[in-house]
All heavy atoms as atom14 arrays in JSON, in Angstrom:
{
  "sequence": "PVALSFVLAHADGTADLFIAQEKVTPELRAHLGNAVRIAPADGFVP",
  "atom14_mask": [
    [1, 1, 1, 1, 1, 1, 1, 0, 0, 0, 0, 0, 0, 0],
    [1, 1, 1, 1, 1, 1, 1, 0, 0, 0, 0, 0, 0, 0],
    [1, 1, 1, 1, 1, 0, 0, 0, 0, 0, 0, 0, 0, 0],
    [1, 1, 1, 1, 1, 1, 1, 1, 0, 0, 0, 0, 0, 0],
    [1, 1, 1, 1, 1, 1, 0, 0, 0, 0, 0, 0, 0, 0],
    [1, 1, 1, 1, 1, 1, 1, 1, 1, 1, 1, 0, 0, 0],
    [1, 1, 1, 1, 1, 1, 1, 0, 0, 0, 0, 0, 0, 0],
    [1, 1, 1, 1, 1, 1, 1, 1, 0, 0, 0, 0, 0, 0],
    [1, 1, 1, 1, 1, 0, 0, 0, 0, 0, 0, 0, 0, 0],
    [1, 1, 1, 1, 1, 1, 1, 1, 1, 1, 0, 0, 0, 0],
    [1, 1, 1, 1, 1, 0, 0, 0, 0, 0, 0, 0, 0, 0],
    [1, 1, 1, 1, 1, 1, 1, 1, 0, 0, 0, 0, 0, 0],
    [1, 1, 1, 1, 0, 0, 0, 0, 0, 0, 0, 0, 0, 0],
    [1, 1, 1, 1, 1, 1, 1, 0, 0, 0, 0, 0, 0, 0],
    [1, 1, 1, 1, 1, 0, 0, 0, 0, 0, 0, 0, 0, 0],
    [1, 1, 1, 1, 1, 1, 1, 1, 0, 0, 0, 0, 0, 0],
    [1, 1, 1, 1, 1, 1, 1, 1, 0, 0, 0, 0, 0, 0],
    [1, 1, 1, 1, 1, 1, 1, 1, 1, 1, 1, 0, 0, 0],
    [1, 1, 1, 1, 1, 1, 1, 1, 0, 0, 0, 0, 0, 0],
    [1, 1, 1, 1, 1, 0, 0, 0, 0, 0, 0, 0, 0, 0],
    [1, 1, 1, 1, 1, 1, 1, 1, 1, 0, 0, 0, 0, 0],
    [1, 1, 1, 1, 1, 1, 1, 1, 1, 0, 0, 0, 0, 0],
    [1, 1, 1, 1, 1, 1, 1, 1, 1, 0, 0, 0, 0, 0],
    [1, 1, 1, 1, 1, 1, 1, 0, 0, 0, 0, 0, 0, 0],
    [1, 1, 1, 1, 1, 1, 1, 0, 0, 0, 0, 0, 0, 0],
    [1, 1, 1, 1, 1, 1, 1, 0, 0, 0, 0, 0, 0, 0],
    [1, 1, 1, 1, 1, 1, 1, 1, 1, 0, 0, 0, 0, 0],
    [1, 1, 1, 1, 1, 1, 1, 1, 0, 0, 0, 0, 0, 0],
    [1, 1, 1, 1, 1, 1, 1, 1, 1, 1, 1, 0, 0, 0],
    [1, 1, 1, 1, 1, 0, 0, 0, 0, 0, 0, 0, 0, 0],
    [1, 1, 1, 1, 1, 1, 1, 1, 1, 1, 0, 0, 0, 0],
    [1, 1, 1, 1, 1, 1, 1, 1, 0, 0, 0, 0, 0, 0],
    [1, 1, 1, 1, 0, 0, 0, 0, 0, 0, 0, 0, 0, 0],
    [1, 1, 1, 1, 1, 1, 1, 1, 0, 0, 0, 0, 0, 0],
    [1, 1, 1, 1, 1, 0, 0, 0, 0, 0, 0, 0, 0, 0],
    [1, 1, 1, 1, 1, 1, 1, 0, 0, 0, 0, 0, 0, 0],
    [1, 1, 1, 1, 1, 1, 1, 1, 1, 1, 1, 0, 0, 0],
    [1, 1, 1, 1, 1, 1, 1, 1, 0, 0, 0, 0, 0, 0],
    [1, 1, 1, 1, 1, 0, 0, 0, 0, 0, 0, 0, 0, 0],
    [1, 1, 1, 1, 1, 1, 1, 0, 0, 0, 0, 0, 0, 0],
    [1, 1, 1, 1, 1, 0, 0, 0, 0, 0, 0, 0, 0, 0],
    [1, 1, 1, 1, 1, 1, 1, 1, 0, 0, 0, 0, 0, 0],
    [1, 1, 1, 1, 0, 0, 0, 0, 0, 0, 0, 0, 0, 0],
    [1, 1, 1, 1, 1, 1, 1, 1, 1, 1, 1, 0, 0, 0],
    [1, 1, 1, 1, 1, 1, 1, 0, 0, 0, 0, 0, 0, 0],
    [1, 1, 1, 1, 1, 1, 1, 0, 0, 0, 0, 0, 0, 0]
  ],
  "atom14_positions": [
    [[0.82, -1.25, -0.01], [0.0, -0.01, 0.0], [0.84, 1.26, 0.01], [0.93, 2.0, 0.99], [-0.84, -0.12, 1.28], [0.06, -0.93, 2.19], [0.8, -1.91, 1.31], [0.0, 0.0, 0.0], [0.0, 0.0, 0.0], [0.0, 0.0, 0.0], [0.0, 0.0, 0.0], [0.0, 0.0, 0.0], [0.0, 0.0, 0.0], [0.0, 0.0, 0.0]],
    [[1.46, 1.56, -1.14], [2.33, 2.74, -1.25], [1.88, 3.59, -2.43], [1.16, 3.12, -3.33], [3.8, 2.34, -1.44], [4.33, 1.7, -0.14], [3.98, 1.38, -2.62], [0.0, 0.0, 0.0], [0.0, 0.0, 0.0], [0.0, 0.0, 0.0], [0.0, 0.0, 0.0], [0.0, 0.0, 0.0], [0.0, 0.0, 0.0], [0.0, 0.0, 0.0]],
    [[2.34, 4.85, -2.45], [2.04, 5.8, -3.5], [3.33, 6.15, -4.23], [4.32, 6.47, -3.62], [1.37, 7.04, -2.94], [0.0, 0.0, 0.0], [0.0, 0.0, 0.0], [0.0, 0.0, 0.0], [0.0, 0.0, 0.0], [0.0, 0.0, 0.0], [0.0, 0.0, 0.0], [0.0, 0.0, 0.0], [0.0, 0.0, 0.0], [0.0, 0.0, 0.0]],
    [[3.32, 6.08, -5.55], [4.51, 6.44, -6.36], [4.89, 7.88, -6.12], [4.08, 8.8, -6.4], [4.24, 6.18, -7.83], [4.02, 4.72, -8.25], [3.57, 4.64, -9.7], [5.3, 3.9, -8.02], [0.0, 0.0, 0.0], [0.0, 0.0, 0.0], [0.0, 0.0, 0.0], [0.0, 0.0, 0.0], [0.0, 0.0, 0.0], [0.0, 0.0, 0.0]],
    [[6.08, 8.13, -5.63], [6.5, 9.49, -5.26], [7.98, 9.47, -4.87], [8.59, 8.39, -4.69], [5.63, 10.0, -4.07], [5.71, 9.1, -3.0], [0.0, 0.0, 0.0], [0.0, 0.0, 0.0], [0.0, 0.0, 0.0], [0.0, 0.0, 0.0], [0.0, 0.0, 0.0], [0.0, 0.0, 0.0], [0.0, 0.0, 0.0], [0.0, 0.0, 0.0]],
    [[8.53, 10.64, -4.72], [9.85, 10.84, -4.13], [9.73, 11.91, -3.08], [8.84, 12.79, -3.12], [10.89, 11.28, -5.19], [11.34, 10.2, -6.12], [10.81, 10.11, -7.39], [12.32, 9.33, -5.74], [11.22, 9.12, -8.28], [12.78, 8.32, -6.6], [12.2, 8.22, -7.88], [0.0, 0.0, 0.0], [0.0, 0.0, 0.0], [0.0, 0.0, 0.0]],
    [[10.66, 11.92, -2.12], [10.7, 12.94, -1.09], [12.11, 13.45, -0.92], [13.09, 12.7, -0.95], [10.17, 12.4, 0.27], [10.65, 13.29, 1.43], [8.66, 12.35, 0.26], [0.0, 0.0, 0.0], [0.0, 0.0, 0.0], [0.0, 0.0, 0.0], [0.0, 0.0, 0.0], [0.0, 0.0, 0.0], [0.0, 0.0, 0.0], [0.0, 0.0, 0.0]],
    [[12.26, 14.75, -0.76], [13.47, 15.37, -0.25], [13.16, 15.89, 1.16], [12.27, 16.75, 1.33], [13.91, 16.53, -1.14], [14.44, 16.15, -2.54], [14.75, 17.45, -3.33], [15.7, 15.3, -2.4], [0.0, 0.0, 0.0], [0.0, 0.0, 0.0], [0.0, 0.0, 0.0], [0.0, 0.0, 0.0], [0.0, 0.0, 0.0], [0.0, 0.0, 0.0]],
    [[13.85, 15.33, 2.15], [13.68, 15.73, 3.55], [14.82, 16.68, 3.89], [15.97, 16.43, 3.52], [13.69, 14.54, 4.49], [0.0, 0.0, 0.0], [0.0, 0.0, 0.0], [0.0, 0.0, 0.0], [0.0, 0.0, 0.0], [0.0, 0.0, 0.0], [0.0, 0.0, 0.0], [0.0, 0.0, 0.0], [0.0, 0.0, 0.0], [0.0, 0.0, 0.0]],
    [[14.5, 17.76, 4.64], [15.5, 18.81, 4.86], [15.78, 18.98, 6.37], [15.01, 18.56, 7.23], [14.99, 20.12, 4.29], [14.64, 20.04, 2.84], [15.55, 19.8, 1.85], [13.43, 20.12, 2.21], [14.95, 19.77, 0.65], [13.68, 19.95, 0.85], [0.0, 0.0, 0.0], [0.0, 0.0, 0.0], [0.0, 0.0, 0.0], [0.0, 0.0, 0.0]],
    [[16.93, 19.58, 6.63], [17.44, 19.73, 8.01], [16.55, 20.68, 8.84], [16.71, 20.7, 10.08], [18.88, 20.22, 7.98], [0.0, 0.0, 0.0], [0.0, 0.0, 0.0], [0.0, 0.0, 0.0], [0.0, 0.0, 0.0], [0.0, 0.0, 0.0], [0.0, 0.0, 0.0], [0.0, 0.0, 0.0], [0.0, 0.0, 0.0], [0.0, 0.0, 0.0]],
    [[15.65, 21.42, 8.25], [14.77, 22.29, 9.02], [13.43, 21.6, 9.35], [12.54, 22.26, 9.85], [14.52, 23.62, 8.29], [13.84, 23.43, 6.93], [13.56, 22.25, 6.57], [13.6, 24.41, 6.24], [0.0, 0.0, 0.0], [0.0, 0.0, 0.0], [0.0, 0.0, 0.0], [0.0, 0.0, 0.0], [0.0, 0.0, 0.0], [0.0, 0.0, 0.0]],
    [[13.31, 20.33, 9.04], [12.11, 19.58, 9.36], [11.05, 19.64, 8.27], [10.0, 18.96, 8.37], [0.0, 0.0, 0.0], [0.0, 0.0, 0.0], [0.0, 0.0, 0.0], [0.0, 0.0, 0.0], [0.0, 0.0, 0.0], [0.0, 0.0, 0.0], [0.0, 0.0, 0.0], [0.0, 0.0, 0.0], [0.0, 0.0, 0.0], [0.0, 0.0, 0.0]],
    [[11.28, 20.4, 7.21], [10.34, 20.44, 6.09], [10.68, 19.32, 5.09], [11.71, 18.64, 5.2], [10.38, 21.77, 5.39], [11.67, 21.96, 4.77], [10.12, 22.93, 6.37], [0.0, 0.0, 0.0], [0.0, 0.0, 0.0], [0.0, 0.0, 0.0], [0.0, 0.0, 0.0], [0.0, 0.0, 0.0], [0.0, 0.0, 0.0], [0.0, 0.0, 0.0]],
    [[9.82, 19.16, 4.14], [10.06, 18.14, 3.11], [9.36, 18.55, 1.83], [8.4, 19.35, 1.83], [9.51, 16.78, 3.56], [0.0, 0.0, 0.0], [0.0, 0.0, 0.0], [0.0, 0.0, 0.0], [0.0, 0.0, 0.0], [0.0, 0.0, 0.0], [0.0, 0.0, 0.0], [0.0, 0.0, 0.0], [0.0, 0.0, 0.0], [0.0, 0.0, 0.0]],
    [[9.85, 18.05, 0.71], [9.22, 18.22, -0.59], [8.76, 16.85, -1.06], [9.54, 15.89, -1.1], [10.22, 18.8, -1.59], [10.62, 20.2, -1.24], [9.8, 21.1, -1.33], [11.82, 20.38, -0.84], [0.0, 0.0, 0.0], [0.0, 0.0, 0.0], [0.0, 0.0, 0.0], [0.0, 0.0, 0.0], [0.0, 0.0, 0.0], [0.0, 0.0, 0.0]],
    [[7.49, 16.76, -1.42], [6.88, 15.52, -1.91], [6.63, 15.69, -3.41], [5.88, 16.6, -3.83], [5.6, 15.22, -1.18], [4.73, 14.07, -1.73], [5.47, 12.72, -1.63], [3.37, 14.01, -1.02], [0.0, 0.0, 0.0], [0.0, 0.0, 0.0], [0.0, 0.0, 0.0], [0.0, 0.0, 0.0], [0.0, 0.0, 0.0], [0.0, 0.0, 0.0]],
    [[7.23, 14.83, -4.21], [7.04, 14.83, -5.66], [6.13, 13.7, -6.05], [6.47, 12.52, -5.9], [8.4, 14.72, -6.35], [9.34, 15.81, -5.94], [10.2, 15.65, -4.88], [9.34, 17.03, -6.62], [11.08, 16.65, -4.47], [10.22, 18.05, -6.23], [11.09, 17.87, -5.15], [0.0, 0.0, 0.0], [0.0, 0.0, 0.0], [0.0, 0.0, 0.0]],
    [[4.94, 14.06, -6.53], [3.89, 13.07, -6.77], [2.95, 13.57, -7.85], [2.75, 14.78, -8.01], [3.11, 12.83, -5.43], [2.11, 11.67, -5.56], [2.44, 14.11, -4.94], [1.51, 11.25, -4.22], [0.0, 0.0, 0.0], [0.0, 0.0, 0.0], [0.0, 0.0, 0.0], [0.0, 0.0, 0.0], [0.0, 0.0, 0.0], [0.0, 0.0, 0.0]],
    [[2.43, 12.66, -8.65], [1.5, 13.03, -9.71], [0.29, 13.77, -9.07], [-0.27, 13.3, -8.09], [1.02, 11.78, -10.45], [0.0, 0.0, 0.0], [0.0, 0.0, 0.0], [0.0, 0.0, 0.0], [0.0, 0.0, 0.0], [0.0, 0.0, 0.0], [0.0, 0.0, 0.0], [0.0, 0.0, 0.0], [0.0, 0.0, 0.0], [0.0, 0.0, 0.0]],
    [[-0.07, 14.88, -9.68], [-1.06, 15.73, -9.02], [-2.44, 15.11, -8.93], [-3.22, 15.43, -8.04], [-1.12, 17.07, -9.79], [0.15, 17.9, -9.66], [0.53, 18.19, -8.22], [-0.06, 19.0, -7.56], [1.57, 17.5, -7.75], [0.0, 0.0, 0.0], [0.0, 0.0, 0.0], [0.0, 0.0, 0.0], [0.0, 0.0, 0.0], [0.0, 0.0, 0.0]],
    [[-2.75, 14.2, -9.84], [-4.06, 13.54, -9.75], [-4.15, 12.61, -8.54], [-5.25, 12.17, -8.17], [-4.34, 12.73, -11.05], [-3.38, 11.6, -11.3], [-2.23, 12.01, -12.24], [-1.89, 13.21, -12.24], [-1.72, 11.12, -12.93], [0.0, 0.0, 0.0], [0.0, 0.0, 0.0], [0.0, 0.0, 0.0], [0.0, 0.0, 0.0], [0.0, 0.0, 0.0]],
    [[-3.04, 12.37, -7.87], [-3.03, 11.51, -6.7], [-3.25, 12.28, -5.39], [-3.35, 11.7, -4.33], [-1.71, 10.72, -6.62], [-1.35, 9.97, -7.89], [0.01, 9.35, -7.83], [0.0, 8.15, -7.0], [-0.91, 7.11, -7.49], [0.0, 0.0, 0.0], [0.0, 0.0, 0.0], [0.0, 0.0, 0.0], [0.0, 0.0, 0.0], [0.0, 0.0, 0.0]],
    [[-3.26, 13.6, -5.5], [-3.31, 14.46, -4.31], [-4.74, 14.91, -4.08], [-5.38, 15.56, -4.9], [-2.4, 15.71, -4.5], [-2.49, 16.58, -3.22], [-0.97, 15.26, -4.75], [0.0, 0.0, 0.0], [0.0, 0.0, 0.0], [0.0, 0.0, 0.0], [0.0, 0.0, 0.0], [0.0, 0.0, 0.0], [0.0, 0.0, 0.0], [0.0, 0.0, 0.0]],
    [[-5.29, 14.55, -2.91], [-6.64, 14.92, -2.53], [-6.59, 16.07, -1.52], [-5.55, 16.34, -0.89], [-7.36, 13.73, -1.85], [-6.67, 13.42, -0.6], [-7.37, 12.51, -2.78], [0.0, 0.0, 0.0], [0.0, 0.0, 0.0], [0.0, 0.0, 0.0], [0.0, 0.0, 0.0], [0.0, 0.0, 0.0], [0.0, 0.0, 0.0], [0.0, 0.0, 0.0]],
    [[-7.74, 16.75, -1.32], [-7.74, 17.81, -0.27], [-7.42, 17.27, 1.09], [-6.74, 17.94, 1.9], [-9.21, 18.33, -0.34], [-9.65, 18.04, -1.76], [-8.97, 16.74, -2.13], [0.0, 0.0, 0.0], [0.0, 0.0, 0.0], [0.0, 0.0, 0.0], [0.0, 0.0, 0.0], [0.0, 0.0, 0.0], [0.0, 0.0, 0.0], [0.0, 0.0, 0.0]],
    [[-7.87, 16.04, 1.37], [-7.55, 15.42, 2.66], [-6.06, 15.22, 2.84], [-5.51, 15.41, 3.95], [-8.29, 14.09, 2.8], [-9.81, 14.18, 2.86], [-10.44, 14.39, 1.5], [-9.75, 14.26, 0.45], [-11.65, 14.72, 1.47], [0.0, 0.0, 0.0], [0.0, 0.0, 0.0], [0.0, 0.0, 0.0], [0.0, 0.0, 0.0], [0.0, 0.0, 0.0]],
    [[-5.4, 14.8, 1.76], [-3.95, 14.61, 1.82], [-3.23, 15.95, 2.08], [-2.3, 16.0, 2.9], [-3.45, 13.96, 0.52], [-2.0, 13.49, 0.56], [-1.85, 12.25, 1.4], [-1.47, 13.22, -0.85], [0.0, 0.0, 0.0], [0.0, 0.0, 0.0], [0.0, 0.0, 0.0], [0.0, 0.0, 0.0], [0.0, 0.0, 0.0], [0.0, 0.0, 0.0]],
    [[-3.66, 17.0, 1.36], [-3.02, 18.31, 1.58], [-3.21, 18.78, 3.02], [-2.25, 19.28, 3.64], [-3.62, 19.35, 0.6], [-3.23, 19.17, -0.82], [-3.74, 20.32, -1.67], [-3.44, 20.13, -3.09], [-2.26, 20.43, -3.63], [-1.32, 21.0, -2.88], [-2.05, 20.23, -4.92], [0.0, 0.0, 0.0], [0.0, 0.0, 0.0], [0.0, 0.0, 0.0]],
    [[-4.38, 18.61, 3.55], [-4.64, 19.04, 4.93], [-3.79, 18.23, 5.9], [-3.25, 18.79, 6.88], [-6.11, 18.9, 5.24], [0.0, 0.0, 0.0], [0.0, 0.0, 0.0], [0.0, 0.0, 0.0], [0.0, 0.0, 0.0], [0.0, 0.0, 0.0], [0.0, 0.0, 0.0], [0.0, 0.0, 0.0], [0.0, 0.0, 0.0], [0.0, 0.0, 0.0]],
    [[-3.66, 16.97, 5.65], [-2.86, 16.11, 6.54], [-1.39, 16.5, 6.51], [-0.75, 16.59, 7.56], [-3.01, 14.65, 6.1], [-1.97, 13.72, 6.62], [-1.91, 13.33, 7.94], [-0.92, 13.11, 6.01], [-0.89, 12.52, 8.14], [-0.27, 12.35, 6.97], [0.0, 0.0, 0.0], [0.0, 0.0, 0.0], [0.0, 0.0, 0.0], [0.0, 0.0, 0.0]],
    [[-0.83, 16.8, 5.35], [0.58, 17.09, 5.24], [0.95, 18.48, 5.74], [2.05, 18.68, 6.28], [1.01, 16.95, 3.76], [0.96, 15.51, 3.21], [1.28, 15.49, 1.74], [1.93, 14.58, 3.96], [0.0, 0.0, 0.0], [0.0, 0.0, 0.0], [0.0, 0.0, 0.0], [0.0, 0.0, 0.0], [0.0, 0.0, 0.0], [0.0, 0.0, 0.0]],
    [[0.04, 19.41, 5.63], [0.26, 20.75, 6.15], [1.28, 21.55, 5.37], [1.77, 21.13, 4.32], [0.0, 0.0, 0.0], [0.0, 0.0, 0.0], [0.0, 0.0, 0.0], [0.0, 0.0, 0.0], [0.0, 0.0, 0.0], [0.0, 0.0, 0.0], [0.0, 0.0, 0.0], [0.0, 0.0, 0.0], [0.0, 0.0, 0.0], [0.0, 0.0, 0.0]],
    [[1.6, 22.72, 5.87], [2.45, 23.66, 5.13], [3.92, 23.23, 5.13], [4.69, 23.71, 4.27], [2.36, 25.07, 5.75], [0.96, 25.65, 5.56], [0.28, 25.33, 4.57], [0.56, 26.52, 6.49], [0.0, 0.0, 0.0], [0.0, 0.0, 0.0], [0.0, 0.0, 0.0], [0.0, 0.0, 0.0], [0.0, 0.0, 0.0], [0.0, 0.0, 0.0]],
    [[4.33, 22.39, 6.04], [5.75, 21.99, 6.13], [6.14, 20.97, 5.1], [7.32, 20.68, 4.93], [6.08, 21.47, 7.53], [0.0, 0.0, 0.0], [0.0, 0.0, 0.0], [0.0, 0.0, 0.0], [0.0, 0.0, 0.0], [0.0, 0.0, 0.0], [0.0, 0.0, 0.0], [0.0, 0.0, 0.0], [0.0, 0.0, 0.0], [0.0, 0.0, 0.0]],
    [[5.17, 20.4, 4.42], [5.43, 19.45, 3.32], [4.93, 20.09, 2.03], [3.74, 20.23, 1.8], [4.77, 18.09, 3.54], [5.04, 17.18, 2.35], [5.25, 17.45, 4.84], [0.0, 0.0, 0.0], [0.0, 0.0, 0.0], [0.0, 0.0, 0.0], [0.0, 0.0, 0.0], [0.0, 0.0, 0.0], [0.0, 0.0, 0.0], [0.0, 0.0, 0.0]],
    [[5.89, 20.54, 1.23], [5.53, 21.12, -0.07], [5.26, 20.06, -1.09], [6.05, 19.12, -1.24], [6.67, 22.05, -0.53], [6.95, 23.24, 0.41], [8.2, 23.98, -0.02], [9.39, 23.22, 0.31], [10.03, 23.27, 1.47], [9.56, 24.01, 2.46], [11.12, 22.52, 1.67], [0.0, 0.0, 0.0], [0.0, 0.0, 0.0], [0.0, 0.0, 0.0]],
    [[4.16, 20.19, -1.81], [3.75, 19.17, -2.78], [4.07, 19.69, -4.18], [3.66, 20.81, -4.53], [2.26, 18.83, -2.68], [1.94, 18.34, -1.24], [1.86, 17.81, -3.71], [0.48, 18.12, -0.98], [0.0, 0.0, 0.0], [0.0, 0.0, 0.0], [0.0, 0.0, 0.0], [0.0, 0.0, 0.0], [0.0, 0.0, 0.0], [0.0, 0.0, 0.0]],
    [[4.82, 18.92, -4.94], [5.22, 19.32, -6.29], [4.89, 18.2, -7.26], [4.76, 17.03, -6.88], [6.71, 19.63, -6.33], [0.0, 0.0, 0.0], [0.0, 0.0, 0.0], [0.0, 0.0, 0.0], [0.0, 0.0, 0.0], [0.0, 0.0, 0.0], [0.0, 0.0, 0.0], [0.0, 0.0, 0.0], [0.0, 0.0, 0.0], [0.0, 0.0, 0.0]],
    [[4.73, 18.51, -8.55], [4.46, 17.44, -9.53], [5.61, 16.45, -9.59], [6.75, 16.77, -9.27], [4.35, 18.23, -10.86], [4.03, 19.64, -10.46], [4.72, 19.84, -9.16], [0.0, 0.0, 0.0], [0.0, 0.0, 0.0], [0.0, 0.0, 0.0], [0.0, 0.0, 0.0], [0.0, 0.0, 0.0], [0.0, 0.0, 0.0], [0.0, 0.0, 0.0]],
    [[5.28, 15.24, -10.03], [6.28, 14.16, -10.09], [7.48, 14.59, -10.98], [8.62, 14.26, -10.69], [5.65, 12.87, -10.57], [0.0, 0.0, 0.0], [0.0, 0.0, 0.0], [0.0, 0.0, 0.0], [0.0, 0.0, 0.0], [0.0, 0.0, 0.0], [0.0, 0.0, 0.0], [0.0, 0.0, 0.0], [0.0, 0.0, 0.0], [0.0, 0.0, 0.0]],
    [[7.21, 15.3, -12.06], [8.29, 15.66, -12.98], [9.15, 16.82, -12.43], [10.09, 17.23, -13.09], [7.77, 15.97, -14.38], [6.76, 17.13, -14.4], [6.6, 17.8, -13.35], [6.16, 17.35, -15.45], [0.0, 0.0, 0.0], [0.0, 0.0, 0.0], [0.0, 0.0, 0.0], [0.0, 0.0, 0.0], [0.0, 0.0, 0.0], [0.0, 0.0, 0.0]],
    [[8.82, 17.28, -11.24], [9.65, 18.29, -10.63], [10.84, 17.69, -9.83], [11.67, 18.45, -9.35], [0.0, 0.0, 0.0], [0.0, 0.0, 0.0], [0.0, 0.0, 0.0], [0.0, 0.0, 0.0], [0.0, 0.0, 0.0], [0.0, 0.0, 0.0], [0.0, 0.0, 0.0], [0.0, 0.0, 0.0], [0.0, 0.0, 0.0], [0.0, 0.0, 0.0]],
    [[10.91, 16.37, -9.73], [11.95, 15.77, -8.92], [13.32, 15.97, -9.51], [14.29, 16.35, -8.82], [11.65, 14.28, -8.74], [12.68, 13.53, -7.9], [12.95, 13.93, -6.62], [13.36, 12.44, -8.43], [13.91, 13.23, -5.86], [14.27, 11.76, -7.71], [14.55, 12.14, -6.39], [0.0, 0.0, 0.0], [0.0, 0.0, 0.0], [0.0, 0.0, 0.0]],
    [[13.46, 15.77, -10.82], [14.79, 15.9, -11.44], [15.27, 17.36, -11.36], [16.42, 17.6, -10.94], [14.75, 15.4, -12.89], [16.01, 15.83, -13.66], [14.6, 13.89, -12.92], [0.0, 0.0, 0.0], [0.0, 0.0, 0.0], [0.0, 0.0, 0.0], [0.0, 0.0, 0.0], [0.0, 0.0, 0.0], [0.0, 0.0, 0.0], [0.0, 0.0, 0.0]],
    [[14.45, 18.36, -11.67], [14.93, 19.76, -11.47], [15.27, 20.08, -10.02], [16.22, 20.83, -9.77], [13.73, 20.6, -11.97], [13.01, 19.72, -12.9], [13.15, 18.33, -12.38], [0.0, 0.0, 0.0], [0.0, 0.0, 0.0], [0.0, 0.0, 0.0], [0.0, 0.0, 0.0], [0.0, 0.0, 0.0], [0.0, 0.0, 0.0], [0.0, 0.0, 0.0]]
  ]
}
């Protein structure tokens, strides 16, 4: 039970989640909060 994605975790406790946007629900955004930035999957390489 996993979701295709990548994460960059940072020393300030924040993180970037790279995931296809169709997989992101309002409930997921609310759960992750402002400290986890959500970006499209193709944003991982840049």
